[in-house]
PDB file of N, CA and C in Angstrom:
ATOM      1  N   UNK A   1      35.572  84.739 167.348  1.00  0.00           N
ATOM      2  CA  UNK A   1      36.691  85.653 167.872  1.00  0.00           C
ATOM      3  C   UNK A   1      35.724  86.764 168.790  1.00  0.00           C
ATOM      4  N   UNK A   2      36.554  86.668 169.973  1.00  0.00           N
ATOM      5  CA  UNK A   2      35.914  87.499 171.135  1.00  0.00           C
ATOM      6  C   UNK A   2      36.723  88.818 170.973  1.00  0.00           C
ATOM      7  N   UNK A   3      36.481  90.097 171.225  1.00  0.00           N
ATOM      8  CA  UNK A   3      37.347  91.607 171.311  1.00  0.00           C
ATOM      9  C   UNK A   3      37.052  92.237 172.002  1.00  0.00           C
ATOM     10  N   UNK A   4      38.227  92.758 173.197  1.00  0.00           N
ATOM     11  CA  UNK A   4      38.347  93.442 174.467  1.00  0.00           C
ATOM     12  C   UNK A   4      39.147  94.225 174.461  1.00  0.00           C
ATOM     13  N   UNK A   5      39.308  94.863 175.655  1.00  0.00           N
ATOM     14  CA  UNK A   5      40.143  95.749 175.896  1.00  0.00           C
ATOM     15  C   UNK A   5      40.116  96.053 177.448  1.00  0.00           C
ATOM     16  N   UNK A   6      41.220  96.673 178.090  1.00  0.00           N
ATOM     17  CA  UNK A   6      41.013  96.867 179.399  1.00  0.00           C
ATOM     18  C   UNK A   6      41.151  98.347 179.930  1.00  0.00           C
ATOM     19  N   UNK A   7      40.194  98.302 180.680  1.00  0.00           N
ATOM     20  CA  UNK A   7      39.836  99.700 181.398  1.00  0.00           C
ATOM     21  C   UNK A   7      41.007 100.704 181.813  1.00  0.00           C
ATOM     22  N   UNK A   8      41.435 101.575 181.424  1.00  0.00           N
ATOM     23  CA  UNK A   8      42.705 102.326 182.190  1.00  0.00           C
ATOM     24  C   UNK A   8      42.564 102.752 182.966  1.00  0.00           C
ATOM     25  N   UNK A   9      41.446 102.615 183.778  1.00  0.00           N
ATOM     26  CA  UNK A   9      41.031 102.795 185.166  1.00  0.00           C
ATOM     27  C   UNK A   9      41.594 102.042 186.147  1.00  0.00           C
ATOM     28  N   UNK A  10      40.539 100.771 186.076  1.00  0.00           N
ATOM     29  CA  UNK A  10      39.987  99.637 186.798  1.00  0.00           C
ATOM     30  C   UNK A  10      41.822  98.329 186.110  1.00  0.00           C
ATOM     31  N   UNK A  11      41.856  98.840 185.312  1.00  0.00           N
ATOM     32  CA  UNK A  11      42.525  97.572 184.574  1.00  0.00           C
ATOM     33  C   UNK A  11      41.738  96.269 184.351  1.00  0.00           C
ATOM     34  N   UNK A  12      40.345  96.131 184.508  1.00  0.00           N
ATOM     35  CA  UNK A  12      39.527  94.888 184.085  1.00  0.00           C
ATOM     36  C   UNK A  12      39.746  94.890 182.197  1.00  0.00           C
ATOM     37  N   UNK A  13      39.014  93.425 182.503  1.00  0.00           N
ATOM     38  CA  UNK A  13      38.833  93.445 180.836  1.00  0.00           C
ATOM     39  C   UNK A  13      37.593  93.858 180.651  1.00  0.00           C
ATOM     40  N   UNK A  14      37.539  94.219 179.275  1.00  0.00           N
ATOM     41  CA  UNK A  14      36.271  94.409 178.816  1.00  0.00           C
ATOM     42  C   UNK A  14      35.744  93.999 177.548  1.00  0.00           C
ATOM     43  N   UNK A  15      35.069  93.514 177.612  1.00  0.00           N
ATOM     44  CA  UNK A  15      34.355  92.624 176.004  1.00  0.00           C
ATOM     45  C   UNK A  15      33.634  94.182 175.061  1.00  0.00           C
ATOM     46  N   UNK A  16      34.216  93.524 174.217  1.00  0.00           N
ATOM     47  CA  UNK A  16      33.665  95.318 172.961  1.00  0.00           C
ATOM     48  C   UNK A  16      32.616  94.559 172.070  1.00  0.00           C
ATOM     49  N   UNK A  17      31.748  94.678 171.671  1.00  0.00           N
ATOM     50  CA  UNK A  17      30.261  94.386 171.195  1.00  0.00           C
ATOM     51  C   UNK A  17      30.871  94.774 169.825  1.00  0.00           C
ATOM     52  N   UNK A  18      31.775  93.733 169.125  1.00  0.00           N
ATOM     53  CA  UNK A  18      32.155  93.740 167.802  1.00  0.00           C
ATOM     54  C   UNK A  18      32.497  92.646 166.851  1.00  0.00           C
ATOM     55  N   UNK A  19      32.059  92.435 165.899  1.00  0.00           N
ATOM     56  CA  UNK A  19      32.405  91.517 164.845  1.00  0.00           C
ATOM     57  C   UNK A  19      33.112  91.184 163.867  1.00  0.00           C
ATOM     58  N   UNK A  20      34.034  92.576 163.982  1.00  0.00           N
ATOM     59  CA  UNK A  20      35.770  92.587 163.326  1.00  0.00           C
ATOM     60  C   UNK A  20      36.272  91.905 162.781  1.00  0.00           C
ATOM     61  N   UNK A  21      36.819  91.201 161.968  1.00  0.00           N
ATOM     62  CA  UNK A  21      38.205  90.008 161.997  1.00  0.00           C
ATOM     63  C   UNK A  21      39.257  90.671 161.897  1.00  0.00           C
ATOM     64  N   UNK A  22      39.326  91.880 161.218  1.00  0.00           N
ATOM     65  CA  UNK A  22      40.301  92.389 161.526  1.00  0.00           C
ATOM     66  C   UNK A  22      40.670  94.249 162.147  1.00  0.00           C
ATOM     67  N   UNK A  23      41.995  94.587 162.296  1.00  0.00           N
ATOM     68  CA  UNK A  23      41.917  95.220 163.112  1.00  0.00           C
ATOM     69  C   UNK A  23      41.835  96.957 162.442  1.00  0.00           C
ATOM     70  N   UNK A  24      42.062  96.377 160.891  1.00  0.00           N
ATOM     71  CA  UNK A  24      41.564  97.705 160.434  1.00  0.00           C
ATOM     72  C   UNK A  24      39.955  97.820 160.009  1.00  0.00           C
ATOM     73  N   UNK A  25      39.029  96.749 159.603  1.00  0.00           N
ATOM     74  CA  UNK A  25      37.855  96.701 159.917  1.00  0.00           C
ATOM     75  C   UNK A  25      37.358  97.025 160.978  1.00  0.00           C
ATOM     76  N   UNK A  26      37.869  96.764 162.395  1.00  0.00           N
ATOM     77  CA  UNK A  26      37.454  97.432 163.794  1.00  0.00           C
ATOM     78  C   UNK A  26      37.678  98.606 163.778  1.00  0.00           C
ATOM     79  N   UNK A  27      38.978  99.462 163.109  1.00  0.00           N
ATOM     80  CA  UNK A  27      39.078 101.210 163.193  1.00  0.00           C
ATOM     81  C   UNK A  27      38.050 101.508 162.056  1.00  0.00           C
ATOM     82  N   UNK A  28      37.941 101.144 161.236  1.00  0.00           N
ATOM     83  CA  UNK A  28      36.765 101.982 160.191  1.00  0.00           C
ATOM     84  C   UNK A  28      35.176 101.683 161.085  1.00  0.00           C
ATOM     85  N   UNK A  29      34.881 101.020 161.964  1.00  0.00           N
ATOM     86  CA  UNK A  29      34.170 100.849 162.621  1.00  0.00           C
ATOM     87  C   UNK A  29      34.001 101.752 163.596  1.00  0.00           C
ATOM     88  N   UNK A  30      35.176 101.531 164.472  1.00  0.00           N
ATOM     89  CA  UNK A  30      34.873 102.330 165.829  1.00  0.00           C
ATOM     90  C   UNK A  30      36.117 103.537 166.152  1.00  0.00           C
ATOM     91  N   UNK A  31      36.591 103.818 164.481  1.00  0.00           N
ATOM     92  CA  UNK A  31      37.479 104.786 164.929  1.00  0.00           C
ATOM     93  C   UNK A  31      39.006 104.830 165.800  1.00  0.00           C
ATOM     94  N   UNK A  32      39.906 105.122 165.056  1.00  0.00           N
ATOM     95  CA  UNK A  32      41.633 104.896 165.873  1.00  0.00           C
ATOM     96  C   UNK A  32      41.450 105.021 167.237  1.00  0.00           C
ATOM     97  N   UNK A  33      40.773 106.154 168.163  1.00  0.00           N
ATOM     98  CA  UNK A  33      40.465 106.220 169.037  1.00  0.00           C
ATOM     99  C   UNK A  33      38.746 106.372 169.736  1.00  0.00           C
ATOM    100  N   UNK A  34      38.526 105.837 170.446  1.00  0.00           N
ATOM    101  CA  UNK A  34      37.570 105.694 170.813  1.00  0.00           C
ATOM    102  C   UNK A  34      37.271 105.591 172.431  1.00  0.00           C
ATOM    103  N   UNK A  35      35.885 106.039 173.327  1.00  0.00           N
ATOM    104  CA  UNK A  35      35.780 105.740 174.412  1.00  0.00           C
ATOM    105  C   UNK A  35      34.511 104.640 175.104  1.00  0.00           C
ATOM    106  N   UNK A  36      34.700 104.228 175.970  1.00  0.00           N
ATOM    107  CA  UNK A  36      34.305 102.594 176.618  1.00  0.00           C
ATOM    108  C   UNK A  36      33.746 103.343 178.135  1.00  0.00           C
ATOM    109  N   UNK A  37      32.583 102.811 178.467  1.00  0.00           N
ATOM    110  CA  UNK A  37      32.077 102.940 179.547  1.00  0.00           C
ATOM    111  C   UNK A  37      32.233 101.855 180.358  1.00  0.00           C
ATOM    112  N   UNK A  38      33.190 101.635 180.955  1.00  0.00           N
ATOM    113  CA  UNK A  38      33.639 100.161 181.931  1.00  0.00           C
ATOM    114  C   UNK A  38      32.675  99.997 182.806  1.00  0.00           C
ATOM    115  N   UNK A  39      31.891  98.575 182.811  1.00  0.00           N
ATOM    116  CA  UNK A  39      30.868  98.244 182.843  1.00  0.00           C
ATOM    117  C   UNK A  39      31.438  98.035 184.558  1.00  0.00           C
ATOM    118  N   UNK A  40      32.679  97.976 185.208  1.00  0.00           N
ATOM    119  CA  UNK A  40      33.042  97.318 186.491  1.00  0.00           C
ATOM    120  C   UNK A  40      33.505  98.294 187.126  1.00  0.00           C
ATOM    121  N   UNK A  41      34.068  99.686 186.635  1.00  0.00           N
ATOM    122  CA  UNK A  41      34.295 100.518 187.859  1.00  0.00           C
ATOM    123  C   UNK A  41      33.199 102.231 187.667  1.00  0.00           C
ATOM    124  N   UNK A  42      32.606 101.822 186.213  1.00  0.00           N
ATOM    125  CA  UNK A  42      31.661 102.856 185.680  1.00  0.00           C
ATOM    126  C   UNK A  42      32.199 104.170 185.324  1.00  0.00           C
ATOM    127  N   UNK A  43      33.653 104.005 184.895  1.00  0.00           N
ATOM    128  CA  UNK A  43      34.410 105.326 184.297  1.00  0.00           C
ATOM    129  C   UNK A  43      34.331 105.344 182.903  1.00  0.00           C
ATOM    130  N   UNK A  44      34.674 106.855 182.244  1.00  0.00           N
ATOM    131  CA  UNK A  44      34.472 106.541 180.612  1.00  0.00           C
ATOM    132  C   UNK A  44      36.103 106.604 180.664  1.00  0.00           C
ATOM    133  N   UNK A  45      36.463 106.050 179.663  1.00  0.00           N
ATOM    134  CA  UNK A  45      38.166 105.973 179.424  1.00  0.00           C
ATOM    135  C   UNK A  45      38.068 105.840 177.523  1.00  0.00           C
ATOM    136  N   UNK A  46      39.272 106.575 177.174  1.00  0.00           N
ATOM    137  CA  UNK A  46      39.571 106.315 175.522  1.00  0.00           C
ATOM    138  C   UNK A  46      40.227 105.599 175.657  1.00  0.00           C
ATOM    139  N   UNK A  47      40.148 104.593 174.484  1.00  0.00           N
ATOM    140  CA  UNK A  47      40.921 103.398 174.063  1.00  0.00           C
ATOM    141  C   UNK A  47      41.298 103.900 172.377  1.00  0.00           C
ATOM    142  N   UNK A  48      42.858 103.553 172.563  1.00  0.00           N
ATOM    143  CA  UNK A  48      43.130 103.510 171.276  1.00  0.00           C
ATOM    144  C   UNK A  48      43.117 102.223 170.601  1.00  0.00           C
ATOM    145  N   UNK A  49      43.046 102.363 169.220  1.00  0.00           N
ATOM    146  CA  UNK A  49      42.672 100.953 168.479  1.00  0.00           C
ATOM    147  C   UNK A  49      43.687  99.792 168.886  1.00  0.00           C
ATOM    148  N   UNK A  50      45.052 100.024 169.192  1.00  0.00           N
ATOM    149  CA  UNK A  50      46.397  98.939 169.184  1.00  0.00           C
ATOM    150  C   UNK A  50      46.082  98.338 170.802  1.00  0.00           C
ATOM    151  N   UNK A  51      45.185  98.946 171.421  1.00  0.00           N
ATOM    152  CA  UNK A  51      44.953  98.305 173.115  1.00  0.00           C
ATOM    153  C   UNK A  51      44.179  97.276 172.933  1.00  0.00           C
ATOM    154  N   UNK A  52      43.058  96.865 171.875  1.00  0.00           N
ATOM    155  CA  UNK A  52      42.599  95.936 171.428  1.00  0.00           C
ATOM    156  C   UNK A  52      42.781  94.678 171.212  1.00  0.00           C
ATOM    157  N   UNK A  53      42.171  93.576 171.886  1.00  0.00           N
ATOM    158  CA  UNK A  53      43.151  92.493 171.602  1.00  0.00           C
ATOM    159  C   UNK A  53      42.080  91.313 171.233  1.00  0.00           C
ATOM    160  N   UNK A  54      42.636  90.541 170.446  1.00  0.00           N
ATOM    161  CA  UNK A  54      41.266  89.059 170.652  1.00  0.00           C
ATOM    162  C   UNK A  54      41.509  87.945 171.063  1.00  0.00           C
ATOM    163  N   UNK A  55      40.855  87.201 171.499  1.00  0.00           N
ATOM    164  CA  UNK A  55      40.869  85.869 171.546  1.00  0.00           C
ATOM    165  C   UNK A  55      39.878  84.727 171.362  1.00  0.00           C
ATOM    166  N   UNK A  56      40.207  83.809 171.392  1.00  0.00           N
ATOM    167  CA  UNK A  56      39.226  83.031 170.860  1.00  0.00           C
ATOM    168  C   UNK A  56      38.177  82.451 171.920  1.00  0.00           C
ATOM    169  N   UNK A  57      36.833  82.439 170.412  1.00  0.00           N
ATOM    170  CA  UNK A  57      35.764  81.895 171.047  1.00  0.00           C
ATOM    171  C   UNK A  57      35.591  80.623 171.472  1.00  0.00           C
ATOM    172  N   UNK A  58      36.371  79.856 170.627  1.00  0.00           N
ATOM    173  CA  UNK A  58      36.261  78.494 170.772  1.00  0.00           C
ATOM    174  C   UNK A  58      37.181  77.791 172.006  1.00  0.00           C
ATOM    175  N   UNK A  59      36.192  77.544 173.091  1.00  0.00           N
ATOM    176  CA  UNK A  59      37.367  76.493 173.914  1.00  0.00           C
ATOM    177  C   UNK A  59      37.783  75.452 173.987  1.00  0.00           C
ATOM    178  N   UNK A  60      36.410  74.835 173.556  1.00  0.00           N
ATOM    179  CA  UNK A  60      36.722  73.513 173.444  1.00  0.00           C
ATOM    180  C   UNK A  60      36.027  72.966 172.104  1.00  0.00           C
ATOM    181  N   UNK A  61      36.384  73.415 170.713  1.00  0.00           N
ATOM    182  CA  UNK A  61      35.587  72.643 169.449  1.00  0.00           C
ATOM    183  C   UNK A  61      35.579  71.094 169.322  1.00  0.00           C
ATOM    184  N   UNK A  62      36.998  71.102 169.719  1.00  0.00           N
ATOM    185  CA  UNK A  62      37.089  69.568 169.295  1.00  0.00           C
ATOM    186  C   UNK A  62      36.097  68.456 170.067  1.00  0.00           C
ATOM    187  N   UNK A  63      36.201  68.721 171.183  1.00  0.00           N
ATOM    188  CA  UNK A  63      34.685  67.945 172.312  1.00  0.00           C
ATOM    189  C   UNK A  63      33.338  68.173 171.490  1.00  0.00           C
ATOM    190  N   UNK A  64      33.168  69.791 171.662  1.00  0.00           N
ATOM    191  CA  UNK A  64      32.039  69.969 171.080  1.00  0.00           C
ATOM    192  C   UNK A  64      31.573  69.354 169.958  1.00  0.00           C
ATOM    193  N   UNK A  65      32.560  69.037 169.131  1.00  0.00           N
ATOM    194  CA  UNK A  65      32.183  68.711 167.612  1.00  0.00           C
ATOM    195  C   UNK A  65      31.780  67.085 167.612  1.00  0.00           C
ATOM    196  N   UNK A  66      33.206  66.278 168.973  1.00  0.00           N
ATOM    197  CA  UNK A  66      33.069  64.927 169.062  1.00  0.00           C
ATOM    198  C   UNK A  66      31.513  64.411 169.338  1.00  0.00           C
ATOM    199  N   UNK A  67      31.096  65.562 170.460  1.00  0.00           N
ATOM    200  CA  UNK A  67      29.967  64.859 170.580  1.00  0.00           C
ATOM    201  C   UNK A  67      28.524  65.137 169.990  1.00  0.00           C
ATOM    202  N   UNK A  68      28.817  66.317 169.206  1.00  0.00           N
ATOM    203  CA  UNK A  68      27.812  66.649 168.549  1.00  0.00           C
ATOM    204  C   UNK A  68      27.780  65.296 167.062  1.00  0.00           C
ATOM    205  N   UNK A  69      29.031  64.999 166.549  1.00  0.00           N
ATOM    206  CA  UNK A  69      29.135  63.814 165.675  1.00  0.00           C
ATOM    207  C   UNK A  69      28.811  62.916 166.363  1.00  0.00           C
ATOM    208  N   UNK A  70      29.158  61.963 167.676  1.00  0.00           N
ATOM    209  CA  UNK A  70      28.976  61.163 168.333  1.00  0.00           C
ATOM    210  C   UNK A  70      27.247  60.862 168.458  1.00  0.00           C
ATOM    211  N   UNK A  71      26.398  61.882 168.826  1.00  0.00           N
ATOM    212  CA  UNK A  71      24.879  61.971 168.723  1.00  0.00           C
ATOM    213  C   UNK A  71      24.348  61.352 167.358  1.00  0.00           C
ATOM    214  N   UNK A  72      24.898  62.326 166.611  1.00  0.00           N
ATOM    215  CA  UNK A  72      24.428  62.316 165.346  1.00  0.00           C
ATOM    216  C   UNK A  72      24.817  60.713 164.590  1.00  0.00           C
ATOM    217  N   UNK A  73      25.720  60.122 165.006  1.00  0.00           N
ATOM    218  CA  UNK A  73      26.436  58.784 164.506  1.00  0.00           C
ATOM    219  C   UNK A  73      26.085  57.501 165.231  1.00  0.00           C
ATOM    220  N   UNK A  74      25.137  58.075 166.498  1.00  0.00           N
ATOM    221  CA  UNK A  74      24.272  57.100 167.092  1.00  0.00           C
ATOM    222  C   UNK A  74      23.151  56.438 166.755  1.00  0.00           C
ATOM    223  N   UNK A  75      22.344  57.155 165.764  1.00  0.00           N
ATOM    224  CA  UNK A  75      21.493  56.771 164.795  1.00  0.00           C
ATOM    225  C   UNK A  75      21.763  55.844 164.118  1.00  0.00           C
ATOM    226  N   UNK A  76      22.975  55.721 163.810  1.00  0.00           N
ATOM    227  CA  UNK A  76      23.747  54.761 162.646  1.00  0.00           C
ATOM    228  C   UNK A  76      24.160  53.423 163.172  1.00  0.00           C
ATOM    229  N   UNK A  77      24.158  53.580 164.632  1.00  0.00           N
ATOM    230  CA  UNK A  77      24.752  51.799 165.262  1.00  0.00           C
ATOM    231  C   UNK A  77      25.778  52.355 165.646  1.00  0.00           C
ATOM    232  N   UNK A  78      26.362  51.677 166.246  1.00  0.00           N
ATOM    233  CA  UNK A  78      27.942  51.573 167.239  1.00  0.00           C
ATOM    234  C   UNK A  78      28.907  52.126 165.741  1.00  0.00           C
ATOM    235  N   UNK A  79      28.961  51.622 164.400  1.00  0.00           N
ATOM    236  CA  UNK A  79      29.983  52.160 163.762  1.00  0.00           C
ATOM    237  C   UNK A  79      29.723  53.515 163.580  1.00  0.00           C
ATOM    238  N   UNK A  80      28.631  53.907 163.127  1.00  0.00           N
ATOM    239  CA  UNK A  80      28.520  55.044 162.804  1.00  0.00           C
ATOM    240  C   UNK A  80      28.781  55.866 164.187  1.00  0.00           C
ATOM    241  N   UNK A  81      28.251  55.664 164.930  1.00  0.00           N
ATOM    242  CA  UNK A  81      28.887  56.303 166.291  1.00  0.00           C
ATOM    243  C   UNK A  81      30.001  56.863 166.158  1.00  0.00           C
ATOM    244  N   UNK A  82      31.017  55.712 166.227  1.00  0.00           N
ATOM    245  CA  UNK A  82      32.868  56.236 166.117  1.00  0.00           C
ATOM    246  C   UNK A  82      32.829  56.922 164.975  1.00  0.00           C
ATOM    247  N   UNK A  83      32.274  56.735 163.829  1.00  0.00           N
ATOM    248  CA  UNK A  83      32.643  57.255 162.584  1.00  0.00           C
ATOM    249  C   UNK A  83      32.057  58.991 162.687  1.00  0.00           C
ATOM    250  N   UNK A  84      30.910  59.424 163.531  1.00  0.00           N
ATOM    251  CA  UNK A  84      30.446  60.490 163.753  1.00  0.00           C
ATOM    252  C   UNK A  84      30.984  61.196 164.686  1.00  0.00           C
ATOM    253  N   UNK A  85      31.929  60.563 166.030  1.00  0.00           N
ATOM    254  CA  UNK A  85      32.823  61.341 166.645  1.00  0.00           C
ATOM    255  C   UNK A  85      33.696  61.801 166.143  1.00  0.00           C
ATOM    256  N   UNK A  86      34.584  61.082 165.283  1.00  0.00           N
ATOM    257  CA  UNK A  86      35.743  61.070 164.238  1.00  0.00           C
ATOM    258  C   UNK A  86      35.313  62.456 163.575  1.00  0.00           C
ATOM    259  N   UNK A  87      34.289  62.005 162.817  1.00  0.00           N
ATOM    260  CA  UNK A  87      34.011  63.407 162.064  1.00  0.00           C
ATOM    261  C   UNK A  87      33.969  64.736 162.607  1.00  0.00           C
ATOM    262  N   UNK A  88      33.291  64.794 163.762  1.00  0.00           N
ATOM    263  CA  UNK A  88      32.893  65.609 164.562  1.00  0.00           C
ATOM    264  C   UNK A  88      33.600  66.439 165.064  1.00  0.00           C
ATOM    265  N   UNK A  89      34.886  65.648 165.617  1.00  0.00           N
ATOM    266  CA  UNK A  89      35.965  66.397 166.365  1.00  0.00           C
ATOM    267  C   UNK A  89      36.886  66.991 165.512  1.00  0.00           C
ATOM    268  N   UNK A  90      37.195  66.423 163.744  1.00  0.00           N
ATOM    269  CA  UNK A  90      37.957  66.691 163.180  1.00  0.00           C
ATOM    270  C   UNK A  90      37.088  68.012 162.512  1.00  0.00           C
ATOM    271  N   UNK A  91      35.879  68.293 162.335  1.00  0.00           N
ATOM    272  CA  UNK A  91      35.507  69.507 161.990  1.00  0.00           C
ATOM    273  C   UNK A  91      35.314  70.452 163.264  1.00  0.00           C
ATOM    274  N   UNK A  92      35.488  70.269 164.613  1.00  0.00           N
ATOM    275  CA  UNK A  92      35.182  70.951 166.168  1.00  0.00           C
ATOM    276  C   UNK A  92      36.842  71.575 165.485  1.00  0.00           C
ATOM    277  N   UNK A  93      37.732  70.586 165.650  1.00  0.00           N
ATOM    278  CA  UNK A  93      39.506  71.030 165.676  1.00  0.00           C
ATOM    279  C   UNK A  93      39.556  71.785 164.130  1.00  0.00           C
ATOM    280  N   UNK A  94      39.148  71.495 163.287  1.00  0.00           N
ATOM    281  CA  UNK A  94      39.325  72.857 162.170  1.00  0.00           C
ATOM    282  C   UNK A  94      38.534  73.957 162.109  1.00  0.00           C
ATOM    283  N   UNK A  95      37.322  74.167 162.612  1.00  0.00           N
ATOM    284  CA  UNK A  95      36.955  75.152 163.001  1.00  0.00           C
ATOM    285  C   UNK A  95      37.835  76.026 164.376  1.00  0.00           C
ATOM    286  N   UNK A  96      38.120  75.427 165.066  1.00  0.00           N
ATOM    287  CA  UNK A  96      39.220  76.186 166.369  1.00  0.00           C
ATOM    288  C   UNK A  96      40.429  76.591 165.819  1.00  0.00           C
ATOM    289  N   UNK A  97      40.990  75.950 164.748  1.00  0.00           N
ATOM    290  CA  UNK A  97      42.282  76.509 163.954  1.00  0.00           C
ATOM    291  C   UNK A  97      42.060  77.500 163.227  1.00  0.00           C
ATOM    292  N   UNK A  98      40.598  77.505 162.868  1.00  0.00           N
ATOM    293  CA  UNK A  98      40.392  78.869 161.817  1.00  0.00           C
ATOM    294  C   UNK A  98      40.451  79.829 162.610  1.00  0.00           C
ATOM    295  N   UNK A  99      39.620  79.896 163.789  1.00  0.00           N
ATOM    296  CA  UNK A  99      39.544  81.083 164.709  1.00  0.00           C
ATOM    297  C   UNK A  99      40.549  81.369 165.595  1.00  0.00           C
ATOM    298  N   UNK A 100      41.720  80.296 165.809  1.00  0.00           N
ATOM    299  CA  UNK A 100      42.891  80.427 166.099  1.00  0.00           C
ATOM    300  C   UNK A 100      44.011  81.303 165.657  1.00  0.00           C
ATOM    301  N   UNK A 101      43.806  81.205 163.842  1.00  0.00           N
ATOM    302  CA  UNK A 101      44.484  81.998 162.926  1.00  0.00           C
ATOM    303  C   UNK A 101      44.206  83.728 162.919  1.00  0.00           C
ATOM    304  N   UNK A 102      42.871  83.541 163.239  1.00  0.00           N
ATOM    305  CA  UNK A 102      41.761  84.844 162.860  1.00  0.00           C
ATOM    306  C   UNK A 102      42.474  85.732 163.939  1.00  0.00           C
ATOM    307  N   UNK A 103      42.681  84.854 165.280  1.00  0.00           N
ATOM    308  CA  UNK A 103      43.205  85.840 166.455  1.00  0.00           C
ATOM    309  C   UNK A 103      44.388  86.345 166.521  1.00  0.00           C
ATOM    310  N   UNK A 104      45.343  85.448 166.047  1.00  0.00           N
ATOM    311  CA  UNK A 104      46.784  85.380 165.720  1.00  0.00           C
ATOM    312  C   UNK A 104      46.726  86.946 164.602  1.00  0.00           C
ATOM    313  N   UNK A 105      46.288  86.623 163.510  1.00  0.00           N
ATOM    314  CA  UNK A 105      46.277  88.054 162.764  1.00  0.00           C
ATOM    315  C   UNK A 105      45.957  89.460 163.190  1.00  0.00           C
ATOM    316  N   UNK A 106      44.439  89.286 164.069  1.00  0.00           N
ATOM    317  CA  UNK A 106      44.283  90.568 164.630  1.00  0.00           C
ATOM    318  C   UNK A 106      45.309  90.678 165.575  1.00  0.00           C
ATOM    319  N   UNK A 107      45.467  90.078 166.172  1.00  0.00           N
ATOM    320  CA  UNK A 107      46.466  90.639 167.411  1.00  0.00           C
ATOM    321  C   UNK A 107      47.907  90.620 166.861  1.00  0.00           C
ATOM    322  N   UNK A 108      48.451  90.184 165.691  1.00  0.00           N
ATOM    323  CA  UNK A 108      49.832  90.567 165.671  1.00  0.00           C
ATOM    324  C   UNK A 108      49.772  92.078 164.088  1.00  0.00           C
ATOM    325  N   UNK A 109      48.649  92.395 164.274  1.00  0.00           N
ATOM    326  CA  UNK A 109      48.722  93.725 163.313  1.00  0.00           C
ATOM    327  C   UNK A 109      48.349  95.045 164.163  1.00  0.00           C
ATOM    328  N   UNK A 110      49.045  96.034 163.392  1.00  0.00           N
ATOM    329  CA  UNK A 110      48.770  97.291 164.234  1.00  0.00           C
ATOM    330  C   UNK A 110      48.551  98.536 163.394  1.00  0.00           C
ATOM    331  N   UNK A 111      48.091  99.440 163.883  1.00  0.00           N
ATOM    332  CA  UNK A 111      47.780 100.500 162.724  1.00  0.00           C
ATOM    333  C   UNK A 111      48.485 101.547 163.299  1.00  0.00           C
ATOM    334  N   UNK A 112      49.007 102.323 162.567  1.00  0.00           N
ATOM    335  CA  UNK A 112      49.640 103.421 162.869  1.00  0.00           C
ATOM    336  C   UNK A 112      48.906 104.957 162.920  1.00  0.00           C
TER     337      UNK A 112
END
């Protein structure tokens, strides 16, 4: 999951260097209000914790999982390749769903 906000001056997206999985965890580390230096317009602006949004870091987890599973399965012959693709896609799809749920939890929470 990637966290970002928008610069108050130029309105461009700014990715935040944080691995926080909840808004409360992010607030504990960064505070309810914090300053960013926008890499686009070079201005410093204050951001409120509720302006931070999350987006999925898995754009194509099923495809990547399928490719990896297919490569691993190729060593076991044609049947293994098909089994590997199926298992890899399942694992990739599961990881993508977990990531999507984390994004939804973060984006639907607010701190007063």
